[in-house]
Amino acid sequence: MNQLFTQKNNILTKINLILILILPIGLIIGSLICNVIVILIGLLFLLEILIKSEKSFLNEKNFYFLIIINLYLILNSFLISENSESILKSFGFFRFILLAYALSYYFQKFEKKIINFWFLIFIFVTFDLLYEFIIGHNILGYEANYPGRLAGFSGDELKIGGYYFGFIFLSLSIFFKKKYLIFLFSLTFLIVALLIGERSNFIKILIVFLLFFTFYYKISYLRKSLIILIFLIIPLLIINNLPTFKSKFVNHIFSENLISFIKQKNTNLNDVIHANQHFSHYYVAFRIFKDNPAFGAGFKSFRIESYKIKYKKEIYGGSTHPHQLHFELLSEIGLVGYLLIFTNLFYLIYCQFQIREKNALSICGTLFIIATMIPFLPSGSFFTSYNATIFFINYSFLIRPR
């Protein structure tokens, strides 16, 4: 009987380990496969801990904080949101809570095996991106539909920059004790992140590297300063010498229209907003929040609200989300939901700063979340399967038992 019990546990552990190993591949393939993997990991994790009676995470305050956030999203969907799909999606948020605790659980047992395998996947993705940059398409024939971007394995969805941001530092964690290797790999990956052509994700990646080499890399201040200069100068040289990148990273951001509006003494706010598409989305999200400050317009509601006549004149057509984390949360779930989520994140980051001996993965998770919270930088929707999965993978490293 005991032998049969042990065999069942071993089977569950092996299946979930395989699912965790292929999770980054599922993200690349698409949302359907990714969701199936995430749901299976959560369900098998629950089954395993019930069989083993290992329910330690049920004693953690953070788990219940996440449950409160989930309940708030459900209530918000029922009572406020006009989007009929929001109720189902709010219940679905629970899968990411389970994913975070499942990864925390299995990483304790198989950290080295998982990280090594994920690193190989990341290396393969990196070589594919370099291949696409040189040849014009990736090894599957995918190519970006406009200049200055790389599609990678994400194809027409052009989401590879988000994937790169989510796994770049995690992949480097195996080199944290090898000072020269981590510098060389970091610089290589940073250049590839630039070549992808996604400005926002590149800036976030650059900030993560600068924070790491400033605060966590244990070398002399002179060497730190030199490394930081290298990480700033090389991307600037690439941008300046490649016309496509100069147009994307300089001319587009600091457009002549935007600069001229700013220089004018009697600048019209609407002119400034319409000079940049992201500003337009942000402004609509701010107006929605201003009209619904406490609870927002409703979970997953921006795709409906932004098409309404009173907002539509301020935007380049309606949109599914405002393309910025802070504006998305404030406009859709209001100040109450915003404070719930950010109180949780700040608390976890604060706890990490109180730990003297920090492990590599907790550093990865902390820096990822800090970069994710940077205001005004464009981002994908926080609640989509793709972005939420990447976020909660990194989040899981902040809730590991100490």
Protein backbone atom coordinates (compact mmCIF):
# COMPACT_ATOMS: atom_id res chain seq x y z
CA MET A 1 0.00 0.00 0.00
CA ASN A 2 2.76 2.41 0.93
CA GLN A 3 4.66 1.47 -2.22
CA LEU A 4 1.59 2.21 -4.38
CA PHE A 5 1.16 5.55 -2.58
CA THR A 6 4.79 6.45 -3.27
CA GLN A 7 4.50 5.46 -6.94
CA LYS A 8 1.45 7.72 -7.42
CA ASN A 9 3.31 10.62 -5.87
CA ASN A 10 6.34 10.00 -8.06
CA ILE A 11 4.17 9.94 -11.19
CA LEU A 12 2.49 13.23 -10.28
CA THR A 13 5.85 14.84 -9.53
CA LYS A 14 7.36 13.65 -12.81
CA ILE A 15 4.39 14.83 -14.88
CA ASN A 16 4.41 18.25 -13.27
CA LEU A 17 8.16 18.55 -13.65
CA ILE A 18 7.81 17.88 -17.38
CA LEU A 19 5.01 20.47 -17.65
CA ILE A 20 7.14 23.07 -15.85
CA LEU A 21 10.12 22.30 -18.07
CA ILE A 22 8.08 22.92 -21.24
CA LEU A 23 6.18 25.94 -19.88
CA PRO A 24 8.43 28.46 -21.74
CA ILE A 25 7.82 26.49 -24.94
CA GLY A 26 4.06 26.66 -24.31
CA LEU A 27 4.32 30.44 -24.02
CA ILE A 28 6.00 30.60 -27.42
CA ILE A 29 3.51 28.27 -29.13
CA GLY A 30 0.44 30.24 -28.07
CA SER A 31 -2.10 31.13 -25.40
CA LEU A 32 -4.17 27.94 -25.72
CA ILE A 33 -1.23 25.60 -25.08
CA CYS A 34 0.10 27.93 -22.39
CA ASN A 35 -3.24 27.95 -20.57
CA VAL A 36 -3.54 24.18 -20.73
CA ILE A 37 -0.06 23.77 -19.23
CA VAL A 38 -0.70 26.37 -16.50
CA ILE A 39 -4.04 24.78 -15.51
CA LEU A 40 -2.54 21.27 -15.43
CA ILE A 41 0.40 22.42 -13.31
CA GLY A 42 -2.00 23.98 -10.81
CA LEU A 43 -4.37 21.00 -10.65
CA LEU A 44 -1.60 18.40 -10.34
CA PHE A 45 0.08 20.53 -7.68
CA LEU A 46 -3.15 20.61 -5.66
CA LEU A 47 -3.57 16.86 -6.06
CA GLU A 48 0.00 16.14 -4.98
CA ILE A 49 -0.08 18.31 -1.86
CA LEU A 50 -3.45 16.85 -0.87
CA ILE A 51 -2.09 13.31 -1.18
CA LYS A 52 1.05 14.21 0.76
CA SER A 53 -0.80 16.50 3.18
CA GLU A 54 1.74 19.24 2.47
CA LYS A 55 -0.35 22.37 2.85
CA SER A 56 2.23 24.76 4.24
CA PHE A 57 1.31 27.50 1.73
CA LEU A 58 -2.15 27.64 3.32
CA ASN A 59 -0.48 29.10 6.39
CA GLU A 60 1.06 32.00 4.46
CA LYS A 61 -0.55 35.43 4.72
CA ASN A 62 0.49 36.21 1.15
CA PHE A 63 -1.66 33.37 -0.21
CA TYR A 64 -4.77 34.87 1.39
CA PHE A 65 -3.80 38.33 0.17
CA LEU A 66 -3.85 36.94 -3.39
CA ILE A 67 -7.22 35.28 -2.70
CA ILE A 68 -8.59 38.67 -1.57
CA ILE A 69 -7.33 40.23 -4.82
CA ASN A 70 -8.99 37.43 -6.80
CA LEU A 71 -12.28 37.86 -4.92
CA TYR A 72 -12.15 41.59 -5.59
CA LEU A 73 -11.76 40.93 -9.34
CA ILE A 74 -14.75 38.55 -9.24
CA LEU A 75 -16.96 41.06 -7.39
CA ASN A 76 -15.81 43.84 -9.68
CA SER A 77 -16.77 41.71 -12.70
CA PHE A 78 -20.21 40.87 -11.31
CA LEU A 79 -21.15 44.31 -10.03
CA ILE A 80 -19.41 46.83 -12.30
CA SER A 81 -17.95 45.50 -15.54
CA GLU A 82 -19.99 45.66 -18.74
CA ASN A 83 -17.81 43.00 -20.37
CA SER A 84 -19.66 39.67 -20.28
CA GLU A 85 -16.38 37.76 -20.52
CA SER A 86 -14.89 39.43 -17.44
CA ILE A 87 -16.65 37.12 -14.94
CA LEU A 88 -15.09 34.00 -16.45
CA LYS A 89 -11.69 35.70 -16.71
CA SER A 90 -11.84 36.88 -13.10
CA PHE A 91 -12.41 33.32 -11.88
CA GLY A 92 -9.60 32.21 -14.20
CA PHE A 93 -7.15 34.48 -12.37
CA PHE A 94 -6.93 31.79 -9.67
CA ARG A 95 -4.84 29.61 -12.01
CA PHE A 96 -1.98 32.10 -11.76
CA ILE A 97 -2.09 31.99 -7.96
CA LEU A 98 -1.80 28.21 -8.14
CA LEU A 99 0.98 28.51 -10.74
CA ALA A 100 3.04 30.77 -8.45
CA TYR A 101 2.78 28.39 -5.49
CA ALA A 102 3.32 25.31 -7.66
CA LEU A 103 6.53 26.78 -9.08
CA SER A 104 7.66 27.79 -5.59
CA TYR A 105 7.06 24.20 -4.45
CA TYR A 106 8.78 22.41 -7.33
CA PHE A 107 11.70 24.83 -7.61
CA GLN A 108 12.68 23.86 -4.07
CA LYS A 109 13.19 20.29 -5.34
CA PHE A 110 14.32 20.71 -8.93
CA GLU A 111 15.73 24.24 -9.20
CA LYS A 112 18.93 23.35 -11.02
CA LYS A 113 17.24 21.02 -13.49
CA ILE A 114 14.50 23.55 -14.35
CA ILE A 115 16.80 26.54 -14.68
CA ASN A 116 19.30 24.63 -16.85
CA PHE A 117 16.53 23.46 -19.19
CA TRP A 118 14.96 26.92 -19.38
CA PHE A 119 18.40 28.37 -20.13
CA LEU A 120 18.78 26.01 -23.12
CA ILE A 121 15.38 27.11 -24.42
CA PHE A 122 16.37 30.75 -24.00
CA ILE A 123 19.68 30.18 -25.85
CA PHE A 124 17.77 28.54 -28.70
CA VAL A 125 15.37 31.51 -28.87
CA THR A 126 18.35 33.88 -28.84
CA PHE A 127 20.09 32.12 -31.75
CA ASP A 128 16.81 32.12 -33.66
CA LEU A 129 16.48 35.88 -33.19
CA LEU A 130 20.06 36.45 -34.38
CA TYR A 131 19.34 34.22 -37.38
CA GLU A 132 16.25 36.31 -38.19
CA PHE A 133 18.20 39.56 -37.85
CA ILE A 134 20.84 38.33 -40.31
CA ILE A 135 18.70 36.35 -42.78
CA GLY A 136 15.42 38.26 -42.58
CA HIS A 137 13.24 35.49 -41.18
CA ASN A 138 13.52 33.00 -38.34
CA ILE A 139 14.13 29.27 -38.76
CA LEU A 140 10.38 28.63 -39.19
CA GLY A 141 10.07 31.37 -41.81
CA TYR A 142 8.41 33.92 -39.53
CA GLU A 143 9.25 37.56 -40.11
CA ALA A 144 8.04 40.85 -38.66
CA ASN A 145 5.48 42.72 -40.73
CA TYR A 146 7.29 46.04 -40.43
CA PRO A 147 10.93 47.19 -40.29
CA GLY A 148 12.91 47.36 -37.09
CA ARG A 149 11.21 44.42 -35.35
CA LEU A 150 11.98 40.73 -34.96
CA ALA A 151 9.14 38.22 -34.82
CA GLY A 152 11.00 35.19 -33.50
CA PHE A 153 8.80 32.20 -32.71
CA SER A 154 5.89 34.48 -31.79
CA GLY A 155 5.22 35.14 -35.48
CA ASP A 156 2.69 37.84 -36.33
CA GLU A 157 1.87 38.48 -32.67
CA LEU A 158 5.30 40.10 -32.15
CA LYS A 159 5.41 39.16 -28.46
CA ILE A 160 8.96 37.86 -28.32
CA GLY A 161 10.16 41.02 -26.53
CA GLY A 162 7.91 40.24 -23.57
CA TYR A 163 9.21 36.68 -23.49
CA TYR A 164 12.77 37.94 -23.58
CA PHE A 165 12.12 40.37 -20.72
CA GLY A 166 10.50 37.63 -18.66
CA PHE A 167 13.26 35.04 -19.00
CA ILE A 168 16.47 36.96 -19.70
CA PHE A 169 17.59 37.49 -16.13
CA LEU A 170 16.18 34.19 -14.96
CA SER A 171 18.30 32.43 -17.58
CA LEU A 172 21.39 34.29 -16.39
CA SER A 173 20.92 33.18 -12.78
CA ILE A 174 23.08 30.09 -13.39
CA PHE A 175 26.06 32.43 -13.91
CA PHE A 176 25.59 34.59 -10.81
CA LYS A 177 28.72 33.18 -9.19
CA LYS A 178 30.74 33.33 -12.42
CA LYS A 179 31.52 37.02 -12.77
CA TYR A 180 33.05 37.07 -16.23
CA LEU A 181 30.52 34.72 -17.80
CA ILE A 182 27.54 36.66 -16.49
CA PHE A 183 29.01 39.88 -17.88
CA LEU A 184 29.58 38.38 -21.34
CA PHE A 185 26.19 36.66 -21.53
CA SER A 186 24.42 39.75 -20.15
CA LEU A 187 25.97 41.99 -22.80
CA THR A 188 25.13 39.50 -25.56
CA PHE A 189 21.51 39.14 -24.42
CA LEU A 190 21.17 42.92 -24.02
CA ILE A 191 22.24 43.44 -27.64
CA VAL A 192 19.74 40.83 -28.83
CA ALA A 193 17.03 42.52 -26.73
CA LEU A 194 17.82 45.74 -28.58
CA LEU A 195 17.71 44.00 -31.98
CA ILE A 196 14.19 42.71 -31.21
CA GLY A 197 13.11 46.32 -31.62
CA GLU A 198 10.61 46.59 -28.74
CA ARG A 199 11.54 49.86 -27.06
CA SER A 200 9.70 49.40 -23.79
CA ASN A 201 10.92 45.86 -23.08
CA PHE A 202 14.47 46.81 -24.03
CA ILE A 203 14.41 49.75 -21.59
CA LYS A 204 13.09 47.47 -18.84
CA ILE A 205 15.81 44.91 -19.54
CA LEU A 206 18.47 47.63 -19.53
CA ILE A 207 17.18 48.93 -16.18
CA VAL A 208 17.27 45.41 -14.71
CA PHE A 209 20.90 45.01 -15.77
CA LEU A 210 21.89 48.42 -14.45
CA LEU A 211 20.26 47.68 -11.08
CA PHE A 212 21.90 44.29 -10.87
CA PHE A 213 25.42 45.44 -11.70
CA THR A 214 25.03 48.47 -9.42
CA PHE A 215 23.65 46.78 -6.30
CA TYR A 216 24.24 43.03 -6.53
CA TYR A 217 27.43 42.52 -8.53
CA LYS A 218 30.23 42.32 -5.95
CA ILE A 219 33.22 44.01 -7.59
CA SER A 220 34.99 47.34 -7.16
CA TYR A 221 33.13 50.58 -7.85
CA LEU A 222 35.52 51.36 -10.69
CA ARG A 223 34.72 48.09 -12.48
CA LYS A 224 31.01 48.58 -11.83
CA SER A 225 31.19 52.03 -13.40
CA LEU A 226 33.02 50.63 -16.42
CA ILE A 227 30.45 47.87 -16.91
CA ILE A 228 27.56 50.32 -16.65
CA LEU A 229 29.21 52.59 -19.23
CA ILE A 230 29.64 49.62 -21.59
CA PHE A 231 25.98 48.67 -21.17
CA LEU A 232 24.95 52.22 -22.05
CA ILE A 233 27.44 53.04 -24.81
CA ILE A 234 27.14 49.88 -26.94
CA PRO A 235 23.34 50.13 -27.39
CA LEU A 236 23.70 53.85 -28.18
CA LEU A 237 26.30 53.06 -30.84
CA ILE A 238 24.05 50.42 -32.40
CA ILE A 239 21.05 52.76 -32.39
CA ASN A 240 23.04 55.62 -33.87
CA ASN A 241 24.56 53.52 -36.67
CA LEU A 242 21.47 51.61 -37.77
CA PRO A 243 18.93 53.96 -39.46
CA THR A 244 15.96 51.73 -38.68
CA PHE A 245 16.78 51.70 -34.98
CA LYS A 246 17.58 55.39 -34.90
CA SER A 247 14.17 56.08 -36.38
CA LYS A 248 12.45 53.79 -33.87
CA PHE A 249 14.34 54.72 -30.70
CA VAL A 250 15.00 58.43 -31.33
CA ASN A 251 12.93 59.96 -34.11
CA HIS A 252 9.69 58.20 -33.22
CA ILE A 253 9.90 58.91 -29.48
CA PHE A 254 11.06 62.51 -29.89
CA SER A 255 8.97 63.26 -32.93
CA GLU A 256 9.07 66.70 -34.47
CA ASN A 257 5.36 67.20 -33.77
CA LEU A 258 5.72 66.32 -30.09
CA ILE A 259 8.79 68.52 -29.60
CA SER A 260 7.16 71.46 -31.37
CA PHE A 261 4.05 71.15 -29.21
CA ILE A 262 6.13 71.06 -26.03
CA LYS A 263 8.11 74.15 -27.11
CA GLN A 264 5.01 76.18 -27.75
CA LYS A 265 4.03 78.57 -24.96
CA ASN A 266 0.33 77.92 -25.41
CA THR A 267 0.55 74.18 -25.89
CA ASN A 268 -2.80 72.48 -26.35
CA LEU A 269 -3.01 69.30 -24.25
CA ASN A 270 -5.02 67.50 -26.90
CA ASP A 271 -2.33 68.25 -29.50
CA VAL A 272 0.35 66.73 -27.27
CA ILE A 273 -1.84 63.68 -26.57
CA HIS A 274 -2.51 63.09 -30.25
CA ALA A 275 1.17 63.47 -31.13
CA ASN A 276 1.80 60.04 -29.58
CA GLN A 277 -0.53 57.04 -29.73
CA HIS A 278 0.48 55.79 -26.28
CA PHE A 279 -0.26 59.20 -24.75
CA SER A 280 -3.69 58.95 -26.29
CA HIS A 281 -4.38 55.57 -24.66
CA TYR A 282 -3.02 56.78 -21.32
CA TYR A 283 -5.19 59.87 -21.39
CA VAL A 284 -8.36 57.90 -22.10
CA ALA A 285 -7.50 55.49 -19.28
CA PHE A 286 -6.95 58.44 -16.95
CA ARG A 287 -10.32 59.93 -17.92
CA ILE A 288 -12.04 56.58 -17.31
CA PHE A 289 -10.38 56.38 -13.90
CA LYS A 290 -11.37 59.96 -13.15
CA ASP A 291 -15.00 59.08 -13.91
CA ASN A 292 -14.80 55.86 -11.82
CA PRO A 293 -12.09 56.47 -9.19
CA ALA A 294 -12.93 53.92 -6.49
CA PHE A 295 -13.68 50.73 -8.41
CA GLY A 296 -12.84 51.59 -12.01
CA ALA A 297 -15.10 50.98 -14.99
CA GLY A 298 -14.93 47.24 -14.43
CA PHE A 299 -12.51 44.35 -14.91
CA LYS A 300 -11.53 43.95 -18.60
CA SER A 301 -13.73 46.96 -19.47
CA PHE A 302 -11.30 49.25 -21.31
CA ARG A 303 -12.08 47.46 -24.58
CA ILE A 304 -15.68 48.64 -24.16
CA GLU A 305 -15.21 52.04 -22.50
CA SER A 306 -12.60 53.31 -24.96
CA TYR A 307 -15.11 52.92 -27.82
CA LYS A 308 -17.70 55.10 -26.13
CA ILE A 309 -18.25 58.46 -27.81
CA LYS A 310 -17.14 60.56 -24.84
CA TYR A 311 -13.69 58.90 -24.90
CA LYS A 312 -13.29 57.86 -28.52
CA LYS A 313 -12.47 61.37 -29.76
CA GLU A 314 -9.34 61.33 -27.58
CA ILE A 315 -7.90 58.08 -28.95
CA TYR A 316 -6.64 56.48 -32.12
CA GLY A 317 -9.75 54.30 -32.21
CA GLY A 318 -10.76 52.03 -29.35
CA SER A 319 -8.32 49.55 -27.85
CA THR A 320 -8.38 46.35 -25.83
CA HIS A 321 -6.22 47.88 -23.09
CA PRO A 322 -4.36 51.16 -22.44
CA HIS A 323 -0.93 49.59 -22.99
CA GLN A 324 0.37 50.60 -19.57
CA LEU A 325 0.12 48.67 -16.29
CA HIS A 326 -0.77 51.55 -13.95
CA PHE A 327 -3.35 53.07 -16.26
CA GLU A 328 -4.89 49.66 -16.95
CA LEU A 329 -5.36 48.85 -13.27
CA LEU A 330 -6.65 52.30 -12.33
CA SER A 331 -9.13 52.52 -15.21
CA GLU A 332 -10.47 48.97 -14.92
CA ILE A 333 -10.39 48.06 -11.20
CA GLY A 334 -10.02 51.50 -9.65
CA LEU A 335 -7.98 52.75 -6.74
CA VAL A 336 -9.15 49.93 -4.47
CA GLY A 337 -7.90 47.18 -6.79
CA TYR A 338 -4.77 49.14 -7.65
CA LEU A 339 -3.83 49.50 -3.97
CA LEU A 340 -4.54 45.83 -3.26
CA ILE A 341 -2.17 44.67 -6.01
CA PHE A 342 0.60 47.18 -5.36
CA THR A 343 0.45 46.75 -1.59
CA ASN A 344 1.12 43.07 -2.17
CA LEU A 345 4.01 43.74 -4.55
CA PHE A 346 5.65 46.39 -2.36
CA TYR A 347 5.34 44.15 0.68
CA LEU A 348 7.09 41.26 -1.10
CA ILE A 349 9.86 43.55 -2.37
CA TYR A 350 10.27 45.01 1.12
CA CYS A 351 10.62 41.48 2.54
CA GLN A 352 13.31 40.70 -0.01
CA PHE A 353 15.31 43.76 0.98
CA GLN A 354 15.26 42.55 4.61
CA ILE A 355 17.05 39.33 3.68
CA ARG A 356 20.83 39.54 3.90
CA GLU A 357 21.68 36.37 1.97
CA LYS A 358 19.67 36.69 -1.21
CA ASN A 359 19.49 33.76 -3.62
CA ALA A 360 19.74 34.22 -7.38
CA LEU A 361 16.08 33.58 -8.13
CA SER A 362 14.76 36.01 -5.53
CA ILE A 363 17.00 38.70 -7.07
CA CYS A 364 15.57 37.84 -10.50
CA GLY A 365 11.99 38.08 -9.28
CA THR A 366 12.58 41.33 -7.39
CA LEU A 367 14.26 43.12 -10.30
CA PHE A 368 11.65 41.85 -12.79
CA ILE A 369 8.76 43.20 -10.69
CA ILE A 370 10.52 46.52 -10.05
CA ALA A 371 11.05 46.97 -13.82
CA THR A 372 7.44 45.93 -14.50
CA MET A 373 6.16 48.64 -12.12
CA ILE A 374 8.02 51.51 -13.84
CA PRO A 375 5.40 54.19 -14.67
CA PHE A 376 4.59 55.37 -18.21
CA LEU A 377 6.58 52.70 -20.10
CA PRO A 378 4.18 50.88 -22.46
CA SER A 379 3.29 47.30 -21.62
CA GLY A 380 0.96 44.52 -22.62
CA SER A 381 -2.22 43.87 -20.69
CA PHE A 382 -1.44 42.59 -17.19
CA PHE A 383 -4.32 40.09 -17.20
CA THR A 384 -3.70 38.28 -20.51
CA SER A 385 -2.58 34.66 -20.28
CA TYR A 386 0.79 35.41 -21.86
CA ASN A 387 1.79 38.36 -19.69
CA ALA A 388 0.25 37.01 -16.48
CA THR A 389 2.07 33.69 -16.86
CA ILE A 390 5.43 35.43 -17.31
CA PHE A 391 4.68 37.74 -14.39
CA PHE A 392 3.70 34.98 -11.96
CA ILE A 393 6.70 32.85 -12.92
CA ASN A 394 8.90 35.67 -11.64
CA TYR A 395 6.50 36.41 -8.78
CA SER A 396 6.91 32.81 -7.54
CA PHE A 397 10.55 33.48 -6.64
CA LEU A 398 9.48 36.08 -4.07
CA ILE A 399 7.23 33.70 -2.14
CA ARG A 400 9.75 30.88 -1.73
CA PRO A 401 10.20 29.70 1.86
CA ARG A 402 13.20 31.34 3.55
